[in-house]
Amino acid sequence: QWIDSGNRTCPITKLPLSENPSLIPNHALRSLISNFAHVSPKESSRPRTQQEHSQSQSQALISTLISRSSSNASKLESLSRLVRLTKRDSSIRRKVTESGVVRAALDCVDSGNQVLQEKSLSLLLNLSLEDDNKVGLVADGVIRRIVAVLRVGSPDCKAIAATLLTSLAVVEVNKATIGSYPDAISALVYLLRVGNDRERKESATALYALCSFPDN
């Protein structure tokens, strides 16, 4: 609809699109919606598994993080525990992403609180491990925050931000989006020049991933 109406910019990033853009159907999201629609709302009476317990626990943490009335200390605790839960469990990563927690995590990146910023970047990095999440994270505005962190964040935050770019760049369309974003590549190059060992390693890895796309 957007293209057929004559628009030639991305509705999310506002960057110009090519004359004949290649549109990629999001079959993964359609499948998730279809599967969700057929799930029975009734819970069984059997004892909960460890995975179900973790999912229940994650829901409470998500609610705390999303709530506007939560203190920074509460948000930090929720972020720390969500980082641990999403580190190895793919189903938890999907559930957390679908819950709308990405927006709350991005608000923490923008908060100016260095500790909150580091934990929220770590959570976003874990969520990006799911291939189905990579394009959605970019659409939610992750790139703008990452570039800002690469410029003015703490050394640890800069390193995590560069690692997150590497993870997102696994998807070809994201390589193009990141490369066309103002200052993204130049911020990585700057970090490669002046950063500490970890920052330089992560920025070099991100640049290597991005440069497999010819236009970059």
N, C-alpha and C. Protein backbone atom coordinates (compact mmCIF):
# COMPACT_ATOMS: atom_id res chain seq x y z
N GLN A 1 0.83 -1.21 0.00
CA GLN A 1 0.00 0.00 0.00
C GLN A 1 0.86 1.26 0.00
N TRP A 2 1.88 1.24 0.82
CA TRP A 2 2.78 2.39 0.95
C TRP A 2 3.44 2.70 -0.40
N ILE A 3 3.96 1.68 -1.04
CA ILE A 3 4.63 1.86 -2.34
C ILE A 3 3.62 2.25 -3.40
N ASP A 4 2.47 1.56 -3.41
CA ASP A 4 1.45 1.82 -4.43
C ASP A 4 0.87 3.23 -4.33
N SER A 5 1.00 3.84 -3.16
CA SER A 5 0.50 5.21 -2.98
C SER A 5 1.49 6.25 -3.49
N GLY A 6 2.62 5.77 -4.01
CA GLY A 6 3.59 6.70 -4.59
C GLY A 6 4.71 7.10 -3.67
N ASN A 7 4.75 6.53 -2.45
CA ASN A 7 5.82 6.88 -1.51
C ASN A 7 7.12 6.21 -1.92
N ARG A 8 8.22 6.93 -1.80
CA ARG A 8 9.53 6.39 -2.17
C ARG A 8 10.54 6.57 -1.04
N THR A 9 10.02 6.58 0.20
CA THR A 9 10.89 6.60 1.38
C THR A 9 10.46 5.47 2.30
N CYS A 10 11.38 5.04 3.16
CA CYS A 10 11.04 4.03 4.15
C CYS A 10 10.14 4.66 5.21
N PRO A 11 8.98 4.07 5.54
CA PRO A 11 8.08 4.68 6.53
C PRO A 11 8.67 4.71 7.93
N ILE A 12 9.71 3.92 8.19
CA ILE A 12 10.33 3.88 9.52
C ILE A 12 11.52 4.84 9.60
N THR A 13 12.48 4.67 8.69
CA THR A 13 13.72 5.44 8.77
C THR A 13 13.66 6.75 7.99
N LYS A 14 12.65 6.88 7.08
CA LYS A 14 12.50 8.04 6.19
C LYS A 14 13.61 8.14 5.16
N LEU A 15 14.44 7.11 5.06
CA LEU A 15 15.50 7.12 4.05
C LEU A 15 14.91 6.77 2.68
N PRO A 16 15.50 7.29 1.59
CA PRO A 16 14.95 7.02 0.25
C PRO A 16 15.08 5.56 -0.13
N LEU A 17 14.07 5.06 -0.83
CA LEU A 17 14.09 3.70 -1.35
C LEU A 17 14.56 3.72 -2.80
N SER A 18 14.98 2.57 -3.29
CA SER A 18 15.37 2.49 -4.69
C SER A 18 14.14 2.65 -5.59
N GLU A 19 14.35 2.86 -6.87
CA GLU A 19 13.25 3.12 -7.79
C GLU A 19 12.27 1.95 -7.83
N ASN A 20 12.80 0.72 -7.82
CA ASN A 20 11.95 -0.47 -7.81
C ASN A 20 12.35 -1.35 -6.62
N PRO A 21 11.91 -0.98 -5.41
CA PRO A 21 12.37 -1.69 -4.21
C PRO A 21 11.89 -3.15 -4.20
N SER A 22 12.75 -4.02 -3.70
CA SER A 22 12.39 -5.44 -3.53
C SER A 22 11.71 -5.61 -2.19
N LEU A 23 10.47 -6.03 -2.22
CA LEU A 23 9.71 -6.22 -0.99
C LEU A 23 9.80 -7.67 -0.55
N ILE A 24 10.04 -7.88 0.75
CA ILE A 24 10.22 -9.23 1.29
C ILE A 24 9.07 -9.55 2.23
N PRO A 25 8.19 -10.48 1.85
CA PRO A 25 7.07 -10.85 2.73
C PRO A 25 7.58 -11.41 4.05
N ASN A 26 6.95 -10.99 5.15
CA ASN A 26 7.37 -11.46 6.47
C ASN A 26 6.59 -12.73 6.82
N HIS A 27 6.99 -13.84 6.19
CA HIS A 27 6.29 -15.11 6.41
C HIS A 27 6.43 -15.57 7.85
N ALA A 28 7.56 -15.26 8.48
CA ALA A 28 7.76 -15.69 9.87
C ALA A 28 6.72 -15.06 10.79
N LEU A 29 6.47 -13.77 10.60
CA LEU A 29 5.49 -13.08 11.45
C LEU A 29 4.09 -13.60 11.16
N ARG A 30 3.79 -13.81 9.87
CA ARG A 30 2.47 -14.34 9.52
C ARG A 30 2.24 -15.71 10.15
N SER A 31 3.29 -16.54 10.15
CA SER A 31 3.19 -17.86 10.75
C SER A 31 2.96 -17.77 12.26
N LEU A 32 3.68 -16.84 12.91
CA LEU A 32 3.50 -16.65 14.36
C LEU A 32 2.07 -16.24 14.69
N ILE A 33 1.53 -15.33 13.89
CA ILE A 33 0.16 -14.87 14.12
C ILE A 33 -0.82 -16.02 13.92
N SER A 34 -0.60 -16.79 12.86
CA SER A 34 -1.48 -17.93 12.57
C SER A 34 -1.44 -18.95 13.69
N ASN A 35 -0.22 -19.27 14.17
CA ASN A 35 -0.09 -20.24 15.25
C ASN A 35 -0.72 -19.74 16.54
N PHE A 36 -0.51 -18.44 16.83
CA PHE A 36 -1.05 -17.85 18.05
C PHE A 36 -2.57 -17.93 18.05
N ALA A 37 -3.18 -17.72 16.89
CA ALA A 37 -4.63 -17.71 16.79
C ALA A 37 -5.25 -19.06 17.09
N HIS A 38 -4.45 -20.13 16.94
CA HIS A 38 -4.97 -21.48 17.17
C HIS A 38 -4.61 -22.04 18.54
N VAL A 39 -3.90 -21.25 19.35
CA VAL A 39 -3.53 -21.72 20.69
C VAL A 39 -4.72 -21.58 21.63
N SER A 40 -5.02 -22.64 22.37
CA SER A 40 -6.14 -22.59 23.31
C SER A 40 -5.76 -21.73 24.51
N PRO A 41 -6.66 -20.85 24.97
CA PRO A 41 -6.36 -20.01 26.14
C PRO A 41 -6.40 -20.77 27.45
N LYS A 42 -6.93 -22.01 27.44
CA LYS A 42 -7.05 -22.77 28.68
C LYS A 42 -5.70 -23.33 29.10
N GLU A 43 -5.38 -23.21 30.35
CA GLU A 43 -4.14 -23.78 30.88
C GLU A 43 -4.40 -25.18 31.42
N SER A 44 -3.49 -26.06 31.21
CA SER A 44 -3.64 -27.42 31.73
C SER A 44 -3.34 -27.43 33.22
N SER A 45 -3.77 -28.50 33.87
CA SER A 45 -3.59 -28.60 35.31
C SER A 45 -2.28 -29.27 35.69
N ARG A 46 -1.49 -29.68 34.70
CA ARG A 46 -0.24 -30.36 35.01
C ARG A 46 0.76 -29.38 35.63
N PRO A 47 1.75 -29.86 36.37
CA PRO A 47 2.77 -28.97 36.96
C PRO A 47 3.55 -28.23 35.88
N ARG A 48 3.93 -27.03 36.17
CA ARG A 48 4.66 -26.23 35.18
C ARG A 48 6.09 -26.73 35.03
N THR A 49 6.56 -26.72 33.78
CA THR A 49 7.94 -27.10 33.51
C THR A 49 8.85 -25.92 33.85
N GLN A 50 10.15 -26.18 33.83
CA GLN A 50 11.12 -25.12 34.09
C GLN A 50 10.99 -24.01 33.06
N GLN A 51 10.75 -24.40 31.80
CA GLN A 51 10.59 -23.40 30.75
C GLN A 51 9.37 -22.53 31.00
N GLU A 52 8.26 -23.15 31.39
CA GLU A 52 7.04 -22.39 31.67
C GLU A 52 7.25 -21.46 32.86
N HIS A 53 8.00 -21.94 33.85
CA HIS A 53 8.30 -21.10 35.01
C HIS A 53 9.11 -19.88 34.58
N SER A 54 10.09 -20.10 33.70
CA SER A 54 10.92 -18.99 33.21
C SER A 54 10.09 -18.00 32.43
N GLN A 55 9.14 -18.51 31.63
CA GLN A 55 8.31 -17.62 30.84
C GLN A 55 7.39 -16.80 31.74
N SER A 56 6.86 -17.44 32.78
CA SER A 56 6.02 -16.72 33.73
C SER A 56 6.83 -15.64 34.46
N GLN A 57 8.05 -16.00 34.82
CA GLN A 57 8.94 -15.05 35.49
C GLN A 57 9.27 -13.88 34.57
N SER A 58 9.50 -14.18 33.29
CA SER A 58 9.85 -13.12 32.35
C SER A 58 8.70 -12.14 32.18
N GLN A 59 7.46 -12.64 32.23
CA GLN A 59 6.30 -11.76 32.07
C GLN A 59 6.23 -10.71 33.17
N ALA A 60 6.53 -11.12 34.39
CA ALA A 60 6.53 -10.18 35.51
C ALA A 60 7.64 -9.14 35.33
N LEU A 61 8.79 -9.58 34.88
CA LEU A 61 9.91 -8.66 34.65
C LEU A 61 9.59 -7.68 33.53
N ILE A 62 8.94 -8.17 32.49
CA ILE A 62 8.55 -7.31 31.37
C ILE A 62 7.59 -6.23 31.84
N SER A 63 6.62 -6.64 32.65
CA SER A 63 5.62 -5.67 33.16
C SER A 63 6.29 -4.56 33.95
N THR A 64 7.29 -4.92 34.75
CA THR A 64 8.02 -3.91 35.53
C THR A 64 8.78 -2.97 34.61
N LEU A 65 9.40 -3.52 33.59
CA LEU A 65 10.22 -2.71 32.70
C LEU A 65 9.37 -1.75 31.87
N ILE A 66 8.20 -2.21 31.45
CA ILE A 66 7.33 -1.39 30.60
C ILE A 66 6.61 -0.30 31.40
N SER A 67 6.33 -0.58 32.67
CA SER A 67 5.57 0.36 33.49
C SER A 67 6.29 1.70 33.65
N ARG A 68 5.57 2.78 33.42
CA ARG A 68 6.15 4.12 33.55
C ARG A 68 6.38 4.50 35.01
N SER A 69 5.71 3.80 35.90
CA SER A 69 5.86 4.14 37.33
C SER A 69 7.04 3.42 37.98
N SER A 70 7.70 2.53 37.26
CA SER A 70 8.83 1.78 37.83
C SER A 70 10.04 2.68 38.02
N SER A 71 10.75 2.48 39.11
CA SER A 71 11.96 3.24 39.37
C SER A 71 13.11 2.71 38.52
N ASN A 72 14.17 3.50 38.42
CA ASN A 72 15.35 3.04 37.68
C ASN A 72 15.94 1.77 38.29
N ALA A 73 15.89 1.69 39.62
CA ALA A 73 16.42 0.50 40.30
C ALA A 73 15.61 -0.74 39.92
N SER A 74 14.28 -0.59 39.85
CA SER A 74 13.42 -1.71 39.47
C SER A 74 13.67 -2.12 38.02
N LYS A 75 13.82 -1.12 37.16
CA LYS A 75 14.08 -1.41 35.75
C LYS A 75 15.43 -2.11 35.57
N LEU A 76 16.42 -1.67 36.33
CA LEU A 76 17.74 -2.28 36.25
C LEU A 76 17.70 -3.74 36.68
N GLU A 77 16.96 -4.02 37.76
CA GLU A 77 16.82 -5.40 38.22
C GLU A 77 16.11 -6.25 37.17
N SER A 78 15.06 -5.71 36.58
CA SER A 78 14.32 -6.44 35.54
C SER A 78 15.20 -6.69 34.33
N LEU A 79 15.94 -5.68 33.91
CA LEU A 79 16.84 -5.84 32.76
C LEU A 79 17.90 -6.91 33.03
N SER A 80 18.49 -6.87 34.21
CA SER A 80 19.55 -7.83 34.55
C SER A 80 19.03 -9.26 34.50
N ARG A 81 17.83 -9.48 35.03
CA ARG A 81 17.27 -10.83 35.05
C ARG A 81 16.81 -11.26 33.66
N LEU A 82 16.29 -10.32 32.89
CA LEU A 82 15.89 -10.65 31.52
C LEU A 82 17.10 -10.99 30.65
N VAL A 83 18.21 -10.31 30.89
CA VAL A 83 19.44 -10.63 30.16
C VAL A 83 19.84 -12.07 30.43
N ARG A 84 19.74 -12.49 31.69
CA ARG A 84 20.10 -13.88 32.03
C ARG A 84 19.13 -14.87 31.39
N LEU A 85 17.84 -14.55 31.43
CA LEU A 85 16.83 -15.47 30.90
C LEU A 85 16.91 -15.62 29.38
N THR A 86 17.25 -14.53 28.70
CA THR A 86 17.25 -14.55 27.24
C THR A 86 18.60 -14.98 26.65
N LYS A 87 19.58 -15.21 27.49
CA LYS A 87 20.91 -15.50 26.98
C LYS A 87 20.94 -16.82 26.21
N ARG A 88 20.22 -17.84 26.71
CA ARG A 88 20.32 -19.17 26.10
C ARG A 88 18.98 -19.73 25.63
N ASP A 89 17.87 -19.13 26.03
CA ASP A 89 16.55 -19.70 25.74
C ASP A 89 15.89 -18.98 24.57
N SER A 90 15.80 -19.67 23.44
CA SER A 90 15.23 -19.08 22.23
C SER A 90 13.75 -18.72 22.41
N SER A 91 12.99 -19.58 23.08
CA SER A 91 11.56 -19.32 23.26
C SER A 91 11.33 -18.09 24.13
N ILE A 92 12.18 -17.89 25.12
CA ILE A 92 12.07 -16.70 25.97
C ILE A 92 12.40 -15.45 25.15
N ARG A 93 13.41 -15.54 24.29
CA ARG A 93 13.76 -14.40 23.44
C ARG A 93 12.58 -13.99 22.57
N ARG A 94 11.91 -14.98 22.00
CA ARG A 94 10.75 -14.67 21.15
C ARG A 94 9.62 -14.04 21.96
N LYS A 95 9.36 -14.61 23.13
CA LYS A 95 8.28 -14.10 23.97
C LYS A 95 8.56 -12.67 24.41
N VAL A 96 9.79 -12.40 24.81
CA VAL A 96 10.16 -11.05 25.26
C VAL A 96 10.02 -10.05 24.12
N THR A 97 10.46 -10.43 22.92
CA THR A 97 10.37 -9.53 21.78
C THR A 97 8.92 -9.21 21.45
N GLU A 98 8.07 -10.23 21.47
CA GLU A 98 6.66 -10.05 21.13
C GLU A 98 5.90 -9.23 22.18
N SER A 99 6.47 -9.09 23.37
CA SER A 99 5.77 -8.42 24.47
C SER A 99 5.80 -6.90 24.36
N GLY A 100 6.59 -6.35 23.44
CA GLY A 100 6.71 -4.91 23.33
C GLY A 100 7.80 -4.32 24.20
N VAL A 101 8.68 -5.19 24.73
CA VAL A 101 9.71 -4.72 25.64
C VAL A 101 10.83 -3.96 24.92
N VAL A 102 10.93 -4.13 23.60
CA VAL A 102 12.00 -3.45 22.85
C VAL A 102 11.92 -1.95 23.02
N ARG A 103 10.74 -1.40 22.93
CA ARG A 103 10.57 0.06 23.08
C ARG A 103 11.03 0.53 24.45
N ALA A 104 10.70 -0.24 25.48
CA ALA A 104 11.11 0.12 26.83
C ALA A 104 12.62 0.04 26.97
N ALA A 105 13.24 -0.97 26.35
CA ALA A 105 14.70 -1.10 26.39
C ALA A 105 15.36 0.08 25.67
N LEU A 106 14.78 0.51 24.56
CA LEU A 106 15.33 1.65 23.82
C LEU A 106 15.22 2.94 24.64
N ASP A 107 14.14 3.06 25.40
CA ASP A 107 14.01 4.22 26.29
C ASP A 107 15.13 4.22 27.33
N CYS A 108 15.50 3.03 27.80
CA CYS A 108 16.60 2.93 28.76
C CYS A 108 17.94 3.29 28.12
N VAL A 109 18.10 2.94 26.83
CA VAL A 109 19.31 3.33 26.11
C VAL A 109 19.40 4.85 26.05
N ASP A 110 18.26 5.51 25.89
CA ASP A 110 18.21 6.97 25.77
C ASP A 110 18.24 7.68 27.12
N SER A 111 18.19 6.92 28.21
CA SER A 111 17.99 7.52 29.53
C SER A 111 19.16 8.36 30.03
N GLY A 112 20.36 8.09 29.52
CA GLY A 112 21.54 8.79 30.03
C GLY A 112 22.14 8.10 31.24
N ASN A 113 21.46 7.09 31.75
CA ASN A 113 21.97 6.31 32.88
C ASN A 113 22.87 5.20 32.31
N GLN A 114 24.15 5.27 32.60
CA GLN A 114 25.13 4.37 31.98
C GLN A 114 24.86 2.91 32.30
N VAL A 115 24.48 2.60 33.53
CA VAL A 115 24.23 1.21 33.91
C VAL A 115 22.99 0.67 33.22
N LEU A 116 21.92 1.48 33.19
CA LEU A 116 20.70 1.09 32.49
C LEU A 116 20.98 0.89 31.01
N GLN A 117 21.78 1.78 30.46
CA GLN A 117 22.12 1.71 29.04
C GLN A 117 22.85 0.41 28.70
N GLU A 118 23.81 0.06 29.53
CA GLU A 118 24.59 -1.16 29.27
C GLU A 118 23.71 -2.40 29.34
N LYS A 119 22.85 -2.48 30.36
CA LYS A 119 21.98 -3.66 30.50
C LYS A 119 20.96 -3.75 29.37
N SER A 120 20.42 -2.60 28.96
CA SER A 120 19.42 -2.63 27.89
C SER A 120 20.06 -3.01 26.56
N LEU A 121 21.29 -2.56 26.32
CA LEU A 121 22.00 -2.97 25.11
C LEU A 121 22.28 -4.48 25.12
N SER A 122 22.62 -5.01 26.30
CA SER A 122 22.86 -6.45 26.42
C SER A 122 21.59 -7.23 26.13
N LEU A 123 20.45 -6.73 26.60
CA LEU A 123 19.18 -7.40 26.33
C LEU A 123 18.86 -7.37 24.84
N LEU A 124 19.04 -6.21 24.21
CA LEU A 124 18.79 -6.09 22.77
C LEU A 124 19.71 -7.02 21.97
N LEU A 125 20.95 -7.15 22.43
CA LEU A 125 21.89 -8.05 21.77
C LEU A 125 21.38 -9.49 21.85
N ASN A 126 20.90 -9.91 23.02
CA ASN A 126 20.36 -11.26 23.16
C ASN A 126 19.16 -11.47 22.25
N LEU A 127 18.27 -10.48 22.20
CA LEU A 127 17.08 -10.61 21.36
C LEU A 127 17.45 -10.70 19.88
N SER A 128 18.54 -10.05 19.50
CA SER A 128 18.96 -10.05 18.09
C SER A 128 19.52 -11.40 17.65
N LEU A 129 19.75 -12.30 18.59
CA LEU A 129 20.26 -13.63 18.23
C LEU A 129 19.23 -14.42 17.43
N GLU A 130 17.95 -14.05 17.57
CA GLU A 130 16.89 -14.69 16.78
C GLU A 130 16.83 -14.02 15.41
N ASP A 131 17.01 -14.80 14.35
CA ASP A 131 16.98 -14.22 13.01
C ASP A 131 15.68 -13.51 12.72
N ASP A 132 14.57 -14.04 13.24
CA ASP A 132 13.27 -13.41 13.00
C ASP A 132 13.14 -12.05 13.66
N ASN A 133 14.02 -11.74 14.61
CA ASN A 133 13.95 -10.46 15.32
C ASN A 133 14.79 -9.36 14.67
N LYS A 134 15.73 -9.74 13.82
CA LYS A 134 16.75 -8.79 13.37
C LYS A 134 16.16 -7.61 12.58
N VAL A 135 15.28 -7.89 11.65
CA VAL A 135 14.68 -6.82 10.85
C VAL A 135 13.75 -5.98 11.72
N GLY A 136 13.00 -6.65 12.60
CA GLY A 136 12.08 -5.93 13.48
C GLY A 136 12.78 -4.96 14.41
N LEU A 137 13.93 -5.35 14.93
CA LEU A 137 14.70 -4.46 15.80
C LEU A 137 15.14 -3.20 15.05
N VAL A 138 15.56 -3.39 13.81
CA VAL A 138 15.96 -2.22 13.00
C VAL A 138 14.75 -1.33 12.76
N ALA A 139 13.60 -1.94 12.46
CA ALA A 139 12.38 -1.16 12.23
C ALA A 139 11.95 -0.39 13.47
N ASP A 140 12.27 -0.93 14.65
CA ASP A 140 11.91 -0.26 15.91
C ASP A 140 12.83 0.92 16.24
N GLY A 141 13.88 1.12 15.46
CA GLY A 141 14.74 2.28 15.67
C GLY A 141 16.02 2.01 16.43
N VAL A 142 16.46 0.75 16.42
CA VAL A 142 17.67 0.40 17.17
C VAL A 142 18.91 1.10 16.61
N ILE A 143 18.99 1.24 15.29
CA ILE A 143 20.21 1.77 14.67
C ILE A 143 20.54 3.17 15.17
N ARG A 144 19.55 4.02 15.24
CA ARG A 144 19.80 5.41 15.69
C ARG A 144 20.41 5.41 17.09
N ARG A 145 19.90 4.57 17.96
CA ARG A 145 20.43 4.51 19.34
C ARG A 145 21.84 3.97 19.35
N ILE A 146 22.08 2.95 18.54
CA ILE A 146 23.41 2.34 18.51
C ILE A 146 24.46 3.35 18.06
N VAL A 147 24.14 4.08 17.00
CA VAL A 147 25.10 5.07 16.48
C VAL A 147 25.40 6.13 17.53
N ALA A 148 24.35 6.57 18.26
CA ALA A 148 24.56 7.56 19.32
C ALA A 148 25.48 7.01 20.41
N VAL A 149 25.28 5.73 20.78
CA VAL A 149 26.12 5.11 21.81
C VAL A 149 27.56 4.98 21.33
N LEU A 150 27.76 4.65 20.06
CA LEU A 150 29.12 4.53 19.52
C LEU A 150 29.88 5.85 19.63
N ARG A 151 29.16 6.93 19.64
CA ARG A 151 29.79 8.25 19.72
C ARG A 151 30.08 8.69 21.16
N VAL A 152 29.11 8.47 22.05
CA VAL A 152 29.22 9.08 23.38
C VAL A 152 29.04 8.11 24.54
N GLY A 153 28.88 6.82 24.27
CA GLY A 153 28.66 5.87 25.36
C GLY A 153 29.94 5.53 26.11
N SER A 154 29.77 4.76 27.17
CA SER A 154 30.94 4.26 27.92
C SER A 154 31.65 3.22 27.06
N PRO A 155 32.91 2.89 27.37
CA PRO A 155 33.63 1.87 26.59
C PRO A 155 32.87 0.54 26.49
N ASP A 156 32.30 0.07 27.59
CA ASP A 156 31.56 -1.20 27.55
C ASP A 156 30.32 -1.08 26.67
N CYS A 157 29.62 0.05 26.78
CA CYS A 157 28.42 0.25 25.96
C CYS A 157 28.78 0.34 24.48
N LYS A 158 29.88 1.00 24.17
CA LYS A 158 30.31 1.10 22.77
C LYS A 158 30.62 -0.27 22.20
N ALA A 159 31.28 -1.11 22.98
CA ALA A 159 31.64 -2.45 22.52
C ALA A 159 30.39 -3.29 22.28
N ILE A 160 29.42 -3.21 23.20
CA ILE A 160 28.17 -3.96 23.04
C ILE A 160 27.41 -3.45 21.82
N ALA A 161 27.39 -2.13 21.63
CA ALA A 161 26.69 -1.54 20.49
C ALA A 161 27.28 -2.03 19.18
N ALA A 162 28.61 -2.10 19.10
CA ALA A 162 29.26 -2.59 17.89
C ALA A 162 28.93 -4.07 17.66
N THR A 163 28.90 -4.86 18.74
CA THR A 163 28.55 -6.27 18.63
C THR A 163 27.11 -6.44 18.14
N LEU A 164 26.23 -5.57 18.62
CA LEU A 164 24.83 -5.60 18.21
C LEU A 164 24.70 -5.31 16.71
N LEU A 165 25.48 -4.38 16.21
CA LEU A 165 25.48 -4.11 14.77
C LEU A 165 25.92 -5.34 13.98
N THR A 166 26.92 -6.04 14.48
CA THR A 166 27.38 -7.26 13.82
C THR A 166 26.27 -8.29 13.76
N SER A 167 25.55 -8.45 14.85
CA SER A 167 24.45 -9.41 14.91
C SER A 167 23.34 -9.04 13.94
N LEU A 168 22.98 -7.77 13.90
CA LEU A 168 21.91 -7.32 13.01
C LEU A 168 22.32 -7.46 11.54
N ALA A 169 23.62 -7.32 11.26
CA ALA A 169 24.11 -7.34 9.88
C ALA A 169 24.15 -8.75 9.29
N VAL A 170 23.75 -9.74 10.07
CA VAL A 170 23.65 -11.10 9.52
C VAL A 170 22.60 -11.13 8.40
N VAL A 171 21.56 -10.30 8.54
CA VAL A 171 20.50 -10.21 7.54
C VAL A 171 20.90 -9.20 6.46
N GLU A 172 20.83 -9.62 5.21
CA GLU A 172 21.35 -8.81 4.11
C GLU A 172 20.69 -7.43 4.04
N VAL A 173 19.37 -7.38 4.20
CA VAL A 173 18.68 -6.09 4.10
C VAL A 173 19.13 -5.13 5.20
N ASN A 174 19.51 -5.69 6.36
CA ASN A 174 19.99 -4.83 7.45
C ASN A 174 21.35 -4.23 7.13
N LYS A 175 22.18 -4.95 6.38
CA LYS A 175 23.48 -4.40 5.98
C LYS A 175 23.27 -3.12 5.18
N ALA A 176 22.31 -3.14 4.29
CA ALA A 176 22.02 -1.96 3.47
C ALA A 176 21.48 -0.83 4.34
N THR A 177 20.57 -1.16 5.26
CA THR A 177 19.96 -0.14 6.12
C THR A 177 21.01 0.51 7.02
N ILE A 178 21.85 -0.31 7.64
CA ILE A 178 22.89 0.22 8.53
C ILE A 178 23.89 1.06 7.74
N GLY A 179 24.30 0.55 6.58
CA GLY A 179 25.29 1.27 5.78
C GLY A 179 24.80 2.61 5.29
N SER A 180 23.49 2.72 5.03
CA SER A 180 22.95 3.98 4.52
C SER A 180 22.58 4.95 5.64
N TYR A 181 22.68 4.47 6.90
CA TYR A 181 22.32 5.34 8.03
C TYR A 181 23.44 6.34 8.27
N PRO A 182 23.11 7.63 8.39
CA PRO A 182 24.15 8.64 8.61
C PRO A 182 25.05 8.32 9.80
N ASP A 183 26.34 8.34 9.59
CA ASP A 183 27.36 8.20 10.64
C ASP A 183 27.57 6.79 11.16
N ALA A 184 26.82 5.80 10.70
CA ALA A 184 26.97 4.45 11.26
C ALA A 184 28.36 3.89 10.99
N ILE A 185 28.77 3.89 9.73
CA ILE A 185 30.08 3.34 9.39
C ILE A 185 31.20 4.24 9.91
N SER A 186 31.03 5.54 9.78
CA SER A 186 32.08 6.45 10.25
C SER A 186 32.27 6.34 11.76
N ALA A 187 31.18 6.07 12.50
CA ALA A 187 31.29 5.90 13.95
C ALA A 187 32.10 4.65 14.29
N LEU A 188 31.90 3.59 13.52
CA LEU A 188 32.66 2.36 13.73
C LEU A 188 34.14 2.57 13.38
N VAL A 189 34.39 3.30 12.30
CA VAL A 189 35.78 3.58 11.91
C VAL A 189 36.47 4.41 12.98
N TYR A 190 35.76 5.39 13.52
CA TYR A 190 36.32 6.23 14.59
C TYR A 190 36.67 5.37 15.81
N LEU A 191 35.77 4.44 16.15
CA LEU A 191 36.01 3.56 17.29
C LEU A 191 37.21 2.65 17.03
N LEU A 192 37.37 2.24 15.80
CA LEU A 192 38.51 1.40 15.42
C LEU A 192 39.83 2.15 15.61
N ARG A 193 39.78 3.46 15.45
CA ARG A 193 40.99 4.28 15.57
C ARG A 193 41.34 4.60 17.02
N VAL A 194 40.33 4.90 17.82
CA VAL A 194 40.61 5.46 19.15
C VAL A 194 40.17 4.57 20.31
N GLY A 195 39.47 3.48 20.04
CA GLY A 195 38.92 2.66 21.12
C GLY A 195 39.96 1.80 21.82
N ASN A 196 39.52 1.19 22.92
CA ASN A 196 40.39 0.23 23.60
C ASN A 196 40.38 -1.09 22.82
N ASP A 197 41.07 -2.10 23.32
CA ASP A 197 41.20 -3.36 22.58
C ASP A 197 39.85 -3.99 22.25
N ARG A 198 38.96 -4.02 23.26
CA ARG A 198 37.65 -4.64 23.03
C ARG A 198 36.83 -3.83 22.01
N GLU A 199 36.84 -2.51 22.17
CA GLU A 199 36.09 -1.66 21.24
C GLU A 199 36.60 -1.82 19.81
N ARG A 200 37.91 -1.87 19.66
CA ARG A 200 38.49 -2.00 18.32
C ARG A 200 38.16 -3.36 17.71
N LYS A 201 38.22 -4.40 18.52
CA LYS A 201 37.89 -5.74 18.02
C LYS A 201 36.44 -5.80 17.54
N GLU A 202 35.52 -5.29 18.35
CA GLU A 202 34.10 -5.37 18.00
C GLU A 202 33.76 -4.46 16.82
N SER A 203 34.37 -3.28 16.74
CA SER A 203 34.09 -2.40 15.61
C SER A 203 34.65 -2.98 14.32
N ALA A 204 35.82 -3.61 14.39
CA ALA A 204 36.40 -4.24 13.20
C ALA A 204 35.52 -5.39 12.71
N THR A 205 34.98 -6.17 13.64
CA THR A 205 34.10 -7.27 13.28
C THR A 205 32.83 -6.75 12.61
N ALA A 206 32.27 -5.66 13.16
CA ALA A 206 31.06 -5.07 12.58
C ALA A 206 31.33 -4.53 11.18
N LEU A 207 32.46 -3.86 11.00
CA LEU A 207 32.82 -3.33 9.68
C LEU A 207 33.01 -4.45 8.67
N TYR A 208 33.62 -5.53 9.11
CA TYR A 208 33.83 -6.69 8.22
C TYR A 208 32.48 -7.25 7.76
N ALA A 209 31.53 -7.34 8.69
CA ALA A 209 30.20 -7.86 8.34
C ALA A 209 29.48 -6.92 7.37
N LEU A 210 29.57 -5.63 7.64
CA LEU A 210 28.86 -4.64 6.79
C LEU A 210 29.46 -4.56 5.40
N CYS A 211 30.77 -4.73 5.30
CA CYS A 211 31.44 -4.56 4.02
C CYS A 211 31.28 -5.74 3.06
N SER A 212 30.60 -6.78 3.49
CA SER A 212 30.27 -7.86 2.55
C SER A 212 29.12 -7.43 1.65
N PHE A 213 28.48 -6.29 1.97
CA PHE A 213 27.47 -5.69 1.10
C PHE A 213 28.18 -4.65 0.22
N PRO A 214 28.18 -4.82 -1.10
CA PRO A 214 29.02 -4.01 -1.99
C PRO A 214 28.88 -2.50 -1.81
N ASP A 215 27.66 -2.00 -1.63
CA ASP A 215 27.48 -0.54 -1.52
C ASP A 215 28.14 0.04 -0.28
N ASN A 216 28.41 -0.79 0.70
CA ASN A 216 29.04 -0.30 1.94
C ASN A 216 30.56 -0.16 1.77
